[in-house]
Each structure stands twice: as structure tokens, then as C-alpha cells.
Amino acid sequence: MAKSITTEEKNLQRAKGSIWRKKDEALCREIMENQRFMSQAGELSQAETMEMLALLLNSCRNSLVRVKNSSKPSYYGKPHQFTHRHEMISEIIHITEFLNDWMTQYTKYKQNRRMDNRPSLGRINHDLGYSLDNLGVQAYSSNAAQRAGERFSKQCIALVVNKADDTGMLFESPSSTNAIARINEVMELDITRSMLKGNLDNGLTRMDKDYSVFLVSRDRLLEAPKVVDVGVTMHNIIDDASVRLVALPGISEVGCSKVRLQVDDIGIIYADFVEEVEVENEKYKELKIIEMKEAIKS
């Protein structure tokens, strides 16, 4: 008759995963022989302590894989202080504050086994790579959310028009989240990301009875000009303090609801009013430029 597996053993197997190696096991057992380490582990059982170490070691492994994976743009190419997971965990366990935080998060996790409470290795400054002074402990859900935020974070250009006035305002921001926050602050609006339709590559839009918002990735405007119809007649366009370099149109006596937006290689944002007769030609040129660039890439 096969021996039944205890819950602790199942949890430990799950933490180790299918890529667990004998050398991983040996290193973790060696760490557990360290009296100083075990004194920090407190009331954890041997199996729980091993599980906690397995989660940490696999998190170290994942950090090394991410910086080499081109499909993970928020990590790819980031510098990493270590070349092997064993070297990394051997250094980390000597950082008292980090180890205490990891144990605290693990204790929360083991109480209900909720995936979103599982300890995860994160970066304090997400613009930097993995180094001892930039490592932090996060719950899995927080780390996953931040990874998603980084993945969809793109530099943005926004054009906002308040219908009570005839002036559009240009904004420049490192992400859509920051752009929305800045727009709300300056224009005294209360918009959220869920209120905008579309995507950053083609444009996020919202036309309300009081205002019109257009938000697009900066990279999209680098590829080719884009003609935007904000649905509001404007006579003037000004720039917010967030904009670094800009070339704005003169005041239009007739007024126009369509604007051609573009960013050049230097980083200058160009905004020009587009008369009705120009719109179809501009759209045709825009498509041709994109097609040519795609052909060159392929």
C-alpha cells in the first residue's frame, strides 16, 4: 500500500516545482544547518522552513531567467548582480531585514495558502536591475500587478479639450497612469483608465459632454503622423508644463476639430490644425508611411 503524503509534504513539493534539483536540495539543507538562520526561522517546522527556502531559491532562479527573456520587456536586458541562483540565495540570507520580510510574508502565505500572499522577489526601483541593494520582498499579487503595469507602461502624448473653452492642451507623460493623473490635476477632471476606449497604439479616447480626451503612445507618433478628431472645435493649442519640446500651431480664426500629431527623432512634438480637405490625404500618407516601415522591418 502506497504511503500517504501529508499536507506539509504536498506544499513542499509544490514550492519546489518540477525543475528542483538535488543540488538545490543540498544547498537548502546546508542553509538550515546554520544556527543563526534557524534562530530567525523561529517557530517554523523543518518542512515549512524548507518550503520557505524553496520559494526563495526559485524566485532567484526566475529573476535570472527574466533578464534574458526578450518576451518580458520590463526585465529583458536589465543588469543582474548574480549569474547563478545558488550564489544569489547564499548572499541574500545574510541580509537580516530582507530575510525577516521574506519570513513574515511566508507566514502570511502559509496561513491560508492564497497565491496572492505568496512571497516574491521584487525590485525596489523598477528602472534598475537585480542587485542586493535593490531587492525587496513583495506579495505575489503586488509583484504581478507591478509587472503588468511595467509591461503596459509606455510614454504617452495626450490632447485634452475642455468644451467650455476653445483651447486644446498637450500633455507628455512617462505612462498612461501618470498622464491621466496629470490631466485630472490640471484640467480638474475625474477620469479613470476604464473610462477611455481603445488602446495606446491607436489611441485611447473619451468624448464627454464637457471635454474630449485623446491619449496615444509616443512611439506611435514616432512611426508616422496621426490625424486626430477630438470632436470639439478649437482655435488654439497650448502645452502643459510636462511637455519638453513642442512646435504648436498658430491661432486658427476659423477653428478646427482635427489635429495632426507627430514626434520627431529629436523628441519634438508637432501639433498642426488639419483642414477638412487635408484629412483624407493625411490618412493615406499615414498608412503608407507605416506600410513602408513594416516592409523595411521584414
Protein backbone atom coordinates (compact mmCIF):
# COMPACT_ATOMS: atom_id res chain seq x y z
CA MET A 1 0.00 0.00 0.00
CA ALA A 2 1.39 3.39 -1.05
CA LYS A 3 2.37 5.75 1.72
CA SER A 4 0.02 8.73 2.03
CA ILE A 5 1.55 12.18 1.59
CA THR A 6 0.97 14.74 4.31
CA THR A 7 -0.28 18.25 3.57
CA GLU A 8 3.12 19.67 4.54
CA GLU A 9 4.83 17.37 2.05
CA LYS A 10 2.40 18.36 -0.71
CA ASN A 11 3.02 22.04 -0.02
CA LEU A 12 6.77 21.45 -0.11
CA GLN A 13 6.60 19.57 -3.41
CA ARG A 14 4.53 22.38 -4.89
CA ALA A 15 7.05 25.00 -3.74
CA LYS A 16 9.99 23.08 -5.19
CA GLY A 17 8.35 22.55 -8.57
CA SER A 18 9.34 20.20 -11.39
CA ILE A 19 12.76 21.78 -12.01
CA TRP A 20 14.04 21.23 -8.45
CA ARG A 21 17.48 19.61 -8.45
CA LYS A 22 19.49 17.58 -5.92
CA LYS A 23 21.98 20.45 -5.68
CA ASP A 24 19.09 22.78 -4.75
CA GLU A 25 18.04 20.38 -2.01
CA ALA A 26 21.60 20.07 -0.69
CA LEU A 27 22.11 23.84 -0.56
CA CYS A 28 18.85 24.47 1.31
CA ARG A 29 19.67 21.77 3.85
CA GLU A 30 23.10 23.31 4.31
CA ILE A 31 21.49 26.70 4.99
CA MET A 32 19.19 25.07 7.54
CA GLU A 33 22.22 23.85 9.45
CA ASN A 34 23.18 27.46 10.12
CA GLN A 35 22.13 28.25 13.71
CA ARG A 36 21.77 31.97 13.06
CA PHE A 37 19.42 31.31 10.16
CA MET A 38 17.34 28.80 12.12
CA SER A 39 17.02 31.21 15.04
CA GLN A 40 15.40 33.69 12.63
CA ALA A 41 13.08 30.97 11.32
CA GLY A 42 11.52 30.90 14.78
CA GLU A 43 8.61 28.51 15.19
CA LEU A 44 8.54 27.23 11.62
CA SER A 45 8.76 23.46 11.27
CA GLN A 46 11.56 21.83 9.28
CA ALA A 47 9.20 21.28 6.33
CA GLU A 48 7.94 24.88 6.45
CA THR A 49 11.49 26.24 6.63
CA MET A 50 12.46 24.15 3.61
CA GLU A 51 9.36 25.35 1.75
CA MET A 52 10.22 28.97 2.52
CA LEU A 53 13.77 28.46 1.20
CA ALA A 54 12.48 26.65 -1.90
CA LEU A 55 10.23 29.61 -2.72
CA LEU A 56 13.18 31.98 -2.30
CA LEU A 57 15.55 29.87 -4.38
CA ASN A 58 13.03 29.53 -7.20
CA SER A 59 12.36 33.26 -7.06
CA CYS A 60 16.12 33.81 -7.51
CA ARG A 61 16.05 31.41 -10.46
CA ASN A 62 13.14 33.30 -12.04
CA SER A 63 14.92 36.64 -11.72
CA LEU A 64 17.89 35.28 -13.68
CA VAL A 65 15.63 33.91 -16.41
CA ARG A 66 13.59 37.11 -16.79
CA VAL A 67 16.52 39.39 -17.64
CA LYS A 68 17.42 37.07 -20.54
CA ASN A 69 13.88 36.66 -21.88
CA SER A 70 13.11 39.12 -24.69
CA SER A 71 9.38 38.43 -24.33
CA LYS A 72 9.47 40.18 -20.93
CA PRO A 73 10.34 43.77 -21.89
CA SER A 74 10.13 45.10 -18.33
CA TYR A 75 13.02 42.78 -17.35
CA TYR A 76 14.91 41.98 -20.53
CA GLY A 77 18.45 43.36 -20.59
CA LYS A 78 18.31 44.65 -17.01
CA PRO A 79 21.64 44.14 -15.18
CA HIS A 80 21.85 41.27 -12.70
CA GLN A 81 24.47 41.11 -9.97
CA PHE A 82 24.46 37.32 -9.98
CA THR A 83 24.96 34.57 -12.54
CA HIS A 84 23.63 31.61 -10.53
CA ARG A 85 20.68 31.12 -8.19
CA HIS A 86 22.85 29.39 -5.55
CA GLU A 87 25.24 32.32 -5.39
CA MET A 88 22.30 34.69 -5.12
CA ILE A 89 20.42 32.98 -2.28
CA SER A 90 23.68 32.45 -0.38
CA GLU A 91 24.14 36.24 -0.30
CA ILE A 92 20.51 37.12 0.33
CA ILE A 93 20.12 35.06 3.50
CA HIS A 94 22.74 37.24 5.20
CA ILE A 95 20.61 40.37 4.74
CA THR A 96 18.70 40.37 8.02
CA GLU A 97 16.00 42.86 7.03
CA PHE A 98 15.26 41.09 3.75
CA LEU A 99 15.15 37.68 5.42
CA ASN A 100 12.78 38.94 8.12
CA ASP A 101 10.48 40.41 5.45
CA TRP A 102 10.54 37.15 3.49
CA MET A 103 9.68 35.10 6.57
CA THR A 104 6.87 37.50 7.51
CA GLN A 105 5.36 37.25 4.03
CA TYR A 106 5.75 33.46 4.02
CA THR A 107 3.94 33.26 7.38
CA LYS A 108 1.00 35.18 5.88
CA TYR A 109 1.03 32.85 2.91
CA LYS A 110 1.04 29.60 4.91
CA GLN A 111 -1.94 30.72 6.99
CA ASN A 112 -4.39 30.47 4.09
CA ARG A 113 -2.27 29.30 1.11
CA ARG A 114 -3.63 32.08 -1.06
CA MET A 115 -1.47 32.56 -4.15
CA ASP A 116 -1.68 36.34 -3.89
CA ASN A 117 0.08 36.18 -0.48
CA ARG A 118 2.98 34.04 -1.64
CA PRO A 119 6.36 35.79 -1.13
CA SER A 120 8.02 37.02 -4.31
CA LEU A 121 11.36 38.63 -5.08
CA GLY A 122 10.90 42.15 -6.39
CA ARG A 123 12.92 45.23 -7.26
CA ILE A 124 12.66 48.36 -5.13
CA ASN A 125 13.41 50.61 -8.12
CA HIS A 126 11.87 49.05 -11.23
CA ASP A 127 14.06 51.10 -13.55
CA LEU A 128 17.10 49.25 -12.19
CA GLY A 129 18.14 45.61 -12.27
CA TYR A 130 18.72 42.94 -9.65
CA SER A 131 21.35 43.88 -7.08
CA LEU A 132 21.47 43.28 -3.33
CA ASP A 133 20.65 46.91 -2.58
CA ASN A 134 17.65 46.88 -4.95
CA LEU A 135 15.93 43.69 -3.79
CA GLY A 136 12.67 43.73 -1.88
CA VAL A 137 10.00 41.28 -0.73
CA GLN A 138 6.53 41.53 -2.20
CA ALA A 139 3.36 39.51 -2.14
CA TYR A 140 2.94 37.67 -5.44
CA SER A 141 -0.15 39.72 -6.33
CA SER A 142 1.70 43.03 -5.86
CA ASN A 143 4.65 41.87 -7.91
CA ALA A 144 2.40 40.56 -10.67
CA ALA A 145 0.46 43.81 -10.75
CA GLN A 146 3.65 45.84 -10.99
CA ARG A 147 4.96 43.60 -13.75
CA ALA A 148 1.74 44.15 -15.65
CA GLY A 149 1.98 47.87 -15.03
CA GLU A 150 5.50 47.94 -16.40
CA ARG A 151 4.55 45.81 -19.36
CA PHE A 152 1.79 48.17 -20.44
CA SER A 153 3.59 51.34 -19.40
CA LYS A 154 4.51 53.48 -22.39
CA GLN A 155 5.48 57.10 -22.81
CA CYS A 156 2.37 58.99 -23.84
CA ILE A 157 1.20 62.14 -25.56
CA ALA A 158 -2.29 63.46 -24.74
CA LEU A 159 -4.51 66.15 -26.20
CA VAL A 160 -7.37 67.36 -24.00
CA VAL A 161 -10.03 69.92 -24.85
CA ASN A 162 -12.50 71.43 -22.43
CA LYS A 163 -15.69 72.21 -24.34
CA ALA A 164 -16.27 75.31 -22.26
CA ASP A 165 -13.31 76.86 -24.00
CA ASP A 166 -11.83 76.69 -27.49
CA THR A 167 -8.30 75.70 -26.49
CA GLY A 168 -6.67 72.27 -26.56
CA MET A 169 -3.86 71.33 -24.18
CA LEU A 170 -0.99 68.94 -24.92
CA PHE A 171 0.47 66.67 -22.23
CA GLU A 172 3.57 64.45 -22.21
CA SER A 173 3.99 61.65 -19.67
CA PRO A 174 6.08 58.50 -19.00
CA SER A 175 2.94 56.34 -18.72
CA SER A 176 -0.80 56.40 -19.25
CA THR A 177 -1.35 56.29 -15.47
CA ASN A 178 0.79 59.38 -14.95
CA ALA A 179 -0.84 61.09 -17.91
CA ILE A 180 -4.34 60.57 -16.52
CA ALA A 181 -3.27 61.83 -13.09
CA ARG A 182 -1.73 64.96 -14.63
CA ILE A 183 -4.77 65.61 -16.82
CA ASN A 184 -7.07 65.33 -13.80
CA GLU A 185 -4.88 67.70 -11.82
CA VAL A 186 -4.52 70.39 -14.49
CA MET A 187 -7.94 70.17 -16.16
CA GLU A 188 -9.80 69.47 -12.89
CA LEU A 189 -11.37 66.32 -14.32
CA ASP A 190 -12.02 62.96 -12.72
CA ILE A 191 -11.30 60.43 -15.45
CA THR A 192 -10.04 56.87 -14.95
CA ARG A 193 -8.35 54.40 -17.32
CA SER A 194 -11.55 52.32 -17.57
CA MET A 195 -13.40 55.36 -18.95
CA LEU A 196 -11.13 55.51 -22.01
CA LYS A 197 -11.84 53.41 -25.10
CA GLY A 198 -9.22 51.92 -27.40
CA ASN A 199 -5.53 51.21 -26.83
CA LEU A 200 -2.30 53.17 -26.58
CA ASP A 201 -1.05 52.12 -30.02
CA ASN A 202 -4.03 53.54 -31.89
CA GLY A 203 -5.25 55.96 -29.26
CA LEU A 204 -7.34 55.99 -26.09
CA THR A 205 -10.32 58.31 -26.38
CA ARG A 206 -13.20 59.74 -24.42
CA MET A 207 -15.73 62.31 -25.62
CA ASP A 208 -17.86 63.68 -22.82
CA LYS A 209 -20.41 66.47 -22.86
CA ASP A 210 -17.84 68.67 -21.10
CA TYR A 211 -14.49 67.55 -22.53
CA SER A 212 -12.63 65.41 -25.07
CA VAL A 213 -9.51 63.33 -24.35
CA PHE A 214 -7.09 61.66 -26.76
CA LEU A 215 -4.12 59.67 -25.42
CA VAL A 216 -1.58 57.79 -27.57
CA SER A 217 1.84 56.19 -27.14
CA ARG A 218 4.80 58.37 -28.03
CA ASP A 219 6.29 55.53 -30.13
CA ARG A 220 3.19 55.53 -32.34
CA LEU A 221 3.73 59.20 -33.19
CA LEU A 222 7.39 58.49 -33.92
CA GLU A 223 6.36 55.96 -36.58
CA ALA A 224 4.12 58.33 -38.52
CA PRO A 225 1.90 61.40 -38.05
CA LYS A 226 -1.60 60.75 -36.76
CA VAL A 227 -4.65 62.84 -37.52
CA VAL A 228 -6.95 63.10 -34.52
CA ASP A 229 -10.55 64.32 -34.48
CA VAL A 230 -11.34 65.45 -30.94
CA GLY A 231 -14.91 66.34 -31.84
CA VAL A 232 -14.52 69.86 -30.48
CA THR A 233 -13.76 73.00 -32.47
CA MET A 234 -10.51 74.55 -31.27
CA HIS A 235 -8.93 77.87 -32.12
CA ASN A 236 -5.73 77.36 -30.17
CA ILE A 237 -3.47 74.65 -28.70
CA ILE A 238 -1.19 75.22 -25.72
CA ASP A 239 1.18 72.89 -23.87
CA ASP A 240 1.28 71.76 -20.27
CA ALA A 241 4.46 72.15 -18.20
CA SER A 242 5.02 68.39 -18.65
CA VAL A 243 5.87 68.88 -22.34
CA ARG A 244 9.60 69.23 -23.01
CA LEU A 245 9.89 70.21 -26.69
CA VAL A 246 6.95 71.28 -28.81
CA ALA A 247 6.01 73.11 -32.01
CA LEU A 248 2.46 74.44 -31.79
CA PRO A 249 0.17 75.88 -34.49
CA GLY A 250 -0.84 79.50 -34.65
CA ILE A 251 -4.32 80.60 -33.64
CA SER A 252 -6.98 79.43 -36.11
CA GLU A 253 -9.60 82.07 -36.87
CA VAL A 254 -11.94 79.53 -38.46
CA GLY A 255 -11.44 76.84 -35.83
CA CYS A 256 -10.76 73.14 -36.34
CA SER A 257 -11.54 69.85 -34.59
CA LYS A 258 -8.80 67.85 -36.31
CA VAL A 259 -5.14 67.92 -35.34
CA ARG A 260 -2.08 66.27 -36.86
CA LEU A 261 0.23 64.97 -34.12
CA GLN A 262 3.79 63.81 -34.68
CA VAL A 263 7.06 63.30 -32.76
CA ASP A 264 10.45 63.55 -34.49
CA ASP A 265 13.71 61.77 -33.68
CA ILE A 266 14.89 64.67 -31.53
CA GLY A 267 11.78 64.42 -29.37
CA ILE A 268 9.91 67.50 -30.58
CA ILE A 269 6.12 67.13 -30.53
CA TYR A 270 4.39 68.75 -33.52
CA ALA A 271 0.72 69.72 -33.45
CA ASP A 272 -0.97 71.26 -36.50
CA PHE A 273 -4.57 72.03 -37.31
CA VAL A 274 -5.84 69.99 -40.27
CA GLU A 275 -8.46 71.43 -42.61
CA GLU A 276 -11.23 69.10 -43.79
CA VAL A 277 -9.81 68.80 -47.33
CA GLU A 278 -6.48 67.58 -45.93
CA VAL A 279 -7.83 64.80 -43.75
CA GLU A 280 -8.16 62.02 -46.35
CA ASN A 281 -4.73 62.78 -47.81
CA GLU A 282 -3.18 62.73 -44.33
CA LYS A 283 -4.77 59.37 -43.51
CA TYR A 284 -3.48 57.95 -46.80
CA LYS A 285 0.05 59.24 -46.13
CA GLU A 286 -0.07 57.89 -42.59
CA LEU A 287 -0.94 54.38 -43.80
CA LYS A 288 1.73 54.46 -46.50
CA ILE A 289 4.46 55.51 -44.05
CA ILE A 290 3.52 52.69 -41.67
CA GLU A 291 3.43 50.16 -44.54
CA MET A 292 6.88 51.25 -45.73
CA LYS A 293 8.37 50.95 -42.22
CA GLU A 294 6.82 47.50 -41.76
CA ALA A 295 8.24 46.40 -45.12
CA ILE A 296 11.71 47.60 -44.11
CA LYS A 297 11.50 45.70 -40.80
CA SER A 298 10.51 42.47 -42.53
